C-alpha atoms as a PDB file:
ATOM      1  CA  MET A   1     -18.024 -20.415   4.823  1.00  0.00           C
ATOM      2  CA  ALA A   2     -15.407 -23.102   4.743  1.00  0.00           C
ATOM      3  CA  VAL A   3     -12.104 -22.882   6.529  1.00  0.00           C
ATOM      4  CA  PRO A   4      -9.434 -21.913   3.997  1.00  0.00           C
ATOM      5  CA  THR A   5      -6.730 -24.381   3.102  1.00  0.00           C
ATOM      6  CA  SER A   6      -3.153 -23.514   3.860  1.00  0.00           C
ATOM      7  CA  GLU A   7      -2.444 -23.514   0.121  1.00  0.00           C
ATOM      8  CA  LEU A   8      -5.220 -21.003  -0.575  1.00  0.00           C
ATOM      9  CA  THR A   9      -4.017 -18.839   2.299  1.00  0.00           C
ATOM     10  CA  ALA A  10      -0.428 -18.912   1.033  1.00  0.00           C
ATOM     11  CA  VAL A  11      -1.432 -18.086  -2.550  1.00  0.00           C
ATOM     12  CA  LEU A  12      -3.672 -15.189  -1.531  1.00  0.00           C
ATOM     13  CA  ARG A  13      -1.061 -13.723   0.794  1.00  0.00           C
ATOM     14  CA  ASP A  14       1.631 -14.062  -1.875  1.00  0.00           C
ATOM     15  CA  GLN A  15      -0.537 -12.384  -4.517  1.00  0.00           C
ATOM     16  CA  ILE A  16      -1.472  -9.598  -2.113  1.00  0.00           C
ATOM     17  CA  GLY A  17       2.214  -8.909  -1.436  1.00  0.00           C
ATOM     18  CA  THR A  18       3.136  -8.988  -5.120  1.00  0.00           C
ATOM     19  CA  THR A  19       0.260  -6.678  -6.027  1.00  0.00           C
ATOM     20  CA  GLU A  20       1.096  -4.280  -3.212  1.00  0.00           C
ATOM     21  CA  ARG A  21       4.681  -3.958  -4.446  1.00  0.00           C
ATOM     22  CA  ALA A  22       3.486  -3.405  -8.033  1.00  0.00           C
ATOM     23  CA  LEU A  23       1.059  -0.720  -6.862  1.00  0.00           C
ATOM     24  CA  VAL A  24       3.789   1.142  -5.001  1.00  0.00           C
ATOM     25  CA  ALA A  25       6.127   0.852  -8.000  1.00  0.00           C
ATOM     26  CA  GLY A  26       3.421   2.206 -10.315  1.00  0.00           C
ATOM     27  CA  GLN A  27       2.819   5.149  -8.038  1.00  0.00           C
ATOM     28  CA  GLN A  28       6.530   5.925  -7.732  1.00  0.00           C
ATOM     29  CA  ALA A  29       6.875   5.788 -11.524  1.00  0.00           C
ATOM     30  CA  ALA A  30       3.848   8.085 -11.942  1.00  0.00           C
ATOM     31  CA  GLN A  31       1.992   5.495 -14.016  1.00  0.00           C
ATOM     32  CA  PRO A  32      -1.727   6.154 -13.382  1.00  0.00           C
ATOM     33  CA  ARG A  33      -2.888   3.170 -15.429  1.00  0.00           C
ATOM     34  CA  GLU A  34      -0.733   0.798 -13.383  1.00  0.00           C
ATOM     35  CA  VAL A  35      -1.884   2.403 -10.150  1.00  0.00           C
ATOM     36  CA  TYR A  36      -5.511   1.932 -11.193  1.00  0.00           C
ATOM     37  CA  GLN A  37      -4.932  -1.656 -12.345  1.00  0.00           C
ATOM     38  CA  TYR A  38      -3.083  -2.745  -9.226  1.00  0.00           C
ATOM     39  CA  SER A  39      -5.462  -0.860  -6.947  1.00  0.00           C
ATOM     40  CA  ALA A  40      -8.371  -2.812  -8.373  1.00  0.00           C
ATOM     41  CA  ARG A  41      -6.417  -6.067  -8.106  1.00  0.00           C
ATOM     42  CA  LEU A  42      -5.420  -5.414  -4.492  1.00  0.00           C
ATOM     43  CA  LEU A  43      -8.976  -4.633  -3.434  1.00  0.00           C
ATOM     44  CA  ASP A  44     -10.222  -7.730  -5.285  1.00  0.00           C
ATOM     45  CA  LEU A  45      -7.663  -9.941  -3.551  1.00  0.00           C
ATOM     46  CA  LEU A  46      -8.589  -8.500  -0.161  1.00  0.00           C
ATOM     47  CA  ASP A  47     -12.266  -9.193  -0.902  1.00  0.00           C
ATOM     48  CA  ARG A  48     -11.446 -12.763  -1.911  1.00  0.00           C
ATOM     49  CA  ALA A  49      -9.402 -13.225   1.239  1.00  0.00           C
ATOM     50  CA  ALA A  50     -12.250 -11.924   3.395  1.00  0.00           C
ATOM     51  CA  TRP A  51     -14.759 -14.151   1.589  1.00  0.00           C
ATOM     52  CA  ASN A  52     -12.543 -17.173   2.276  1.00  0.00           C
ATOM     53  CA  VAL A  53     -11.871 -16.126   5.888  1.00  0.00           C
ATOM     54  CA  VAL A  54      -8.156 -15.567   5.270  1.00  0.00           C
ATOM     55  CA  ASP A  55      -6.638 -13.234   7.832  1.00  0.00           C
ATOM     56  CA  THR A  56      -4.875 -10.383   6.030  1.00  0.00           C
ATOM     57  CA  ARG A  57      -4.342  -8.098   9.014  1.00  0.00           C
ATOM     58  CA  GLY A  58      -0.872  -6.634   8.791  1.00  0.00           C
ATOM     59  CA  ARG A  59      -0.388  -7.950   5.238  1.00  0.00           C
ATOM     60  CA  VAL A  60      -0.895  -4.602   3.528  1.00  0.00           C
ATOM     61  CA  SER A  61       0.676  -1.449   4.865  1.00  0.00           C
ATOM     62  CA  GLY A  62      -1.476   1.641   5.193  1.00  0.00           C
ATOM     63  CA  ASP A  63      -0.081   3.603   2.256  1.00  0.00           C
ATOM     64  CA  PRO A  64      -0.814   1.091  -0.540  1.00  0.00           C
ATOM     65  CA  LEU A  65      -4.233   0.333   0.918  1.00  0.00           C
ATOM     66  CA  SER A  66      -5.057   4.044   1.121  1.00  0.00           C
ATOM     67  CA  ILE A  67      -3.851   4.537  -2.456  1.00  0.00           C
ATOM     68  CA  ALA A  68      -5.985   1.630  -3.673  1.00  0.00           C
ATOM     69  CA  GLN A  69      -9.097   2.826  -1.894  1.00  0.00           C
ATOM     70  CA  ALA A  70      -8.651   6.428  -3.033  1.00  0.00           C
ATOM     71  CA  THR A  71      -7.915   5.403  -6.626  1.00  0.00           C
ATOM     72  CA  TRP A  72     -10.901   3.117  -6.820  1.00  0.00           C
ATOM     73  CA  HIS A  73     -13.365   5.573  -5.279  1.00  0.00           C
ATOM     74  CA  THR A  74     -12.297   8.555  -7.393  1.00  0.00           C
ATOM     75  CA  SER A  75     -12.387   6.665 -10.677  1.00  0.00           C
ATOM     76  CA  ALA A  76     -15.853   5.165 -10.329  1.00  0.00           C
END
């Protein structure tokens, strides 16, 4: 695997943060479709970050990550 560029790292981290906030907002507004959509997006971004060796430790707080994982596993 190649070392990620600083631009790729910045974009992934920014998108992870944006998606995390949208996921939390969807949950607070009791919008299951948004929660599902942003859960899938968050997990996809984290997979992409891992694939590209982008460190995401501390980038996602426990609650949104738990929501995403629970939403994804119960809907499959």
